[in-house]
Amino acid sequence: MKTKVKKWLVKHGNAICAVAVSLASLSSLCCRGCWYQPEEPEGLKEFAKNHME
């Protein structure tokens, strides 16, 4: 069983890698963080200015 799996992985390894790379690059495009920009809280600039040294 172990040798069959190893042979199959060696035979199809390039295709598995290509699919993994393409899915990884597409998954980052689906992330909500690419398009979501949170609203700045009121008073943030004043708070930052008062706490910066």
N, C-alpha and C. Protein backbone atom coordinates (compact mmCIF):
# COMPACT_ATOMS: atom_id res chain seq x y z
N MET A 1 0.82 -1.19 0.00
CA MET A 1 0.00 0.00 0.00
C MET A 1 0.87 1.26 0.00
N LYS A 2 1.91 1.27 0.84
CA LYS A 2 2.79 2.43 0.94
C LYS A 2 3.51 2.68 -0.38
N THR A 3 3.93 1.63 -1.03
CA THR A 3 4.65 1.80 -2.30
C THR A 3 3.71 2.28 -3.40
N LYS A 4 2.45 1.82 -3.38
CA LYS A 4 1.49 2.27 -4.38
C LYS A 4 1.22 3.77 -4.24
N VAL A 5 1.08 4.22 -3.01
CA VAL A 5 0.84 5.65 -2.76
C VAL A 5 2.06 6.46 -3.18
N LYS A 6 3.23 5.96 -2.86
CA LYS A 6 4.45 6.67 -3.22
C LYS A 6 4.60 6.76 -4.74
N LYS A 7 4.32 5.68 -5.44
CA LYS A 7 4.41 5.69 -6.90
C LYS A 7 3.39 6.67 -7.49
N TRP A 8 2.18 6.67 -6.92
CA TRP A 8 1.14 7.56 -7.42
C TRP A 8 1.53 9.02 -7.19
N LEU A 9 2.10 9.33 -6.02
CA LEU A 9 2.53 10.69 -5.73
C LEU A 9 3.66 11.13 -6.64
N VAL A 10 4.60 10.23 -6.92
CA VAL A 10 5.70 10.56 -7.81
C VAL A 10 5.18 10.81 -9.22
N LYS A 11 4.23 10.01 -9.64
CA LYS A 11 3.68 10.15 -10.99
C LYS A 11 2.86 11.42 -11.15
N HIS A 12 2.06 11.78 -10.15
CA HIS A 12 1.15 12.91 -10.26
C HIS A 12 1.57 14.12 -9.42
N GLY A 13 2.76 14.13 -8.92
CA GLY A 13 3.22 15.20 -8.03
C GLY A 13 3.20 16.57 -8.66
N ASN A 14 3.61 16.67 -9.92
CA ASN A 14 3.62 17.97 -10.60
C ASN A 14 2.21 18.53 -10.74
N ALA A 15 1.26 17.70 -11.08
CA ALA A 15 -0.12 18.16 -11.22
C ALA A 15 -0.69 18.59 -9.87
N ILE A 16 -0.40 17.83 -8.83
CA ILE A 16 -0.87 18.18 -7.49
C ILE A 16 -0.29 19.53 -7.07
N CYS A 17 0.97 19.74 -7.34
CA CYS A 17 1.62 21.00 -7.00
C CYS A 17 1.01 22.17 -7.78
N ALA A 18 0.75 21.97 -9.06
CA ALA A 18 0.17 23.03 -9.88
C ALA A 18 -1.23 23.41 -9.38
N VAL A 19 -2.02 22.43 -9.02
CA VAL A 19 -3.35 22.71 -8.50
C VAL A 19 -3.25 23.45 -7.17
N ALA A 20 -2.35 23.03 -6.31
CA ALA A 20 -2.19 23.68 -5.01
C ALA A 20 -1.76 25.13 -5.17
N VAL A 21 -0.85 25.40 -6.07
CA VAL A 21 -0.39 26.78 -6.29
C VAL A 21 -1.51 27.64 -6.85
N SER A 22 -2.26 27.12 -7.80
CA SER A 22 -3.35 27.91 -8.38
C SER A 22 -4.46 28.17 -7.36
N LEU A 23 -4.79 27.19 -6.53
CA LEU A 23 -5.81 27.40 -5.51
C LEU A 23 -5.34 28.38 -4.44
N ALA A 24 -4.08 28.32 -4.09
CA ALA A 24 -3.55 29.24 -3.09
C ALA A 24 -3.60 30.68 -3.59
N SER A 25 -3.28 30.89 -4.85
CA SER A 25 -3.32 32.25 -5.39
C SER A 25 -4.74 32.77 -5.52
N LEU A 26 -5.69 31.89 -5.81
CA LEU A 26 -7.09 32.32 -5.91
C LEU A 26 -7.72 32.55 -4.54
N SER A 27 -7.30 31.82 -3.55
CA SER A 27 -7.92 31.95 -2.23
C SER A 27 -7.64 33.32 -1.62
N SER A 28 -6.51 33.93 -1.92
CA SER A 28 -6.23 35.26 -1.38
C SER A 28 -7.15 36.31 -2.00
N LEU A 29 -7.61 36.08 -3.21
CA LEU A 29 -8.54 37.02 -3.85
C LEU A 29 -9.92 36.96 -3.23
N CYS A 30 -10.25 35.84 -2.63
CA CYS A 30 -11.56 35.68 -2.02
C CYS A 30 -11.62 36.23 -0.60
N CYS A 31 -10.51 36.63 -0.09
CA CYS A 31 -10.45 37.12 1.29
C CYS A 31 -11.16 38.45 1.41
N ARG A 32 -11.95 38.59 2.44
CA ARG A 32 -12.69 39.81 2.66
C ARG A 32 -11.76 40.98 2.94
N GLY A 33 -10.58 40.71 3.44
CA GLY A 33 -9.65 41.77 3.79
C GLY A 33 -9.16 42.57 2.60
N CYS A 34 -9.25 42.04 1.41
CA CYS A 34 -8.79 42.78 0.24
C CYS A 34 -9.66 44.00 -0.04
N TRP A 35 -10.95 43.90 0.24
CA TRP A 35 -11.87 44.98 -0.10
C TRP A 35 -12.45 45.68 1.13
N TYR A 36 -12.28 45.13 2.29
CA TYR A 36 -12.89 45.68 3.48
C TYR A 36 -11.95 46.67 4.14
N GLN A 37 -12.40 47.89 4.29
CA GLN A 37 -11.62 48.89 5.00
C GLN A 37 -12.47 49.39 6.15
N PRO A 38 -12.06 49.12 7.38
CA PRO A 38 -12.89 49.51 8.52
C PRO A 38 -13.00 51.03 8.65
N GLU A 39 -14.10 51.47 9.21
CA GLU A 39 -14.31 52.89 9.44
C GLU A 39 -13.44 53.35 10.61
N GLU A 40 -12.85 54.51 10.47
CA GLU A 40 -11.98 55.03 11.52
C GLU A 40 -12.85 55.51 12.69
N PRO A 41 -12.55 55.07 13.89
CA PRO A 41 -13.34 55.49 15.05
C PRO A 41 -13.22 57.00 15.29
N GLU A 42 -14.28 57.57 15.86
CA GLU A 42 -14.25 59.00 16.16
C GLU A 42 -13.21 59.28 17.23
N GLY A 43 -12.45 60.35 17.04
CA GLY A 43 -11.45 60.76 18.02
C GLY A 43 -10.15 59.99 17.97
N LEU A 44 -9.94 59.18 16.95
CA LEU A 44 -8.72 58.38 16.87
C LEU A 44 -7.48 59.26 16.69
N LYS A 45 -7.59 60.27 15.84
CA LYS A 45 -6.43 61.15 15.61
C LYS A 45 -6.07 61.93 16.87
N GLU A 46 -7.07 62.40 17.59
CA GLU A 46 -6.81 63.12 18.85
C GLU A 46 -6.18 62.19 19.88
N PHE A 47 -6.68 60.97 19.97
CA PHE A 47 -6.13 59.99 20.89
C PHE A 47 -4.68 59.69 20.57
N ALA A 48 -4.40 59.48 19.30
CA ALA A 48 -3.03 59.18 18.87
C ALA A 48 -2.11 60.37 19.13
N LYS A 49 -2.62 61.57 18.86
CA LYS A 49 -1.80 62.77 19.07
C LYS A 49 -1.48 62.95 20.56
N ASN A 50 -2.45 62.67 21.43
CA ASN A 50 -2.25 62.82 22.87
C ASN A 50 -1.34 61.76 23.46
N HIS A 51 -1.24 60.61 22.83
CA HIS A 51 -0.46 59.51 23.38
C HIS A 51 0.88 59.29 22.67
N MET A 52 1.19 60.11 21.70
CA MET A 52 2.49 60.02 21.03
C MET A 52 3.49 60.87 21.79
N GLU A 53 4.68 60.37 21.96
CA GLU A 53 5.72 61.11 22.66
C GLU A 53 6.87 61.39 21.75
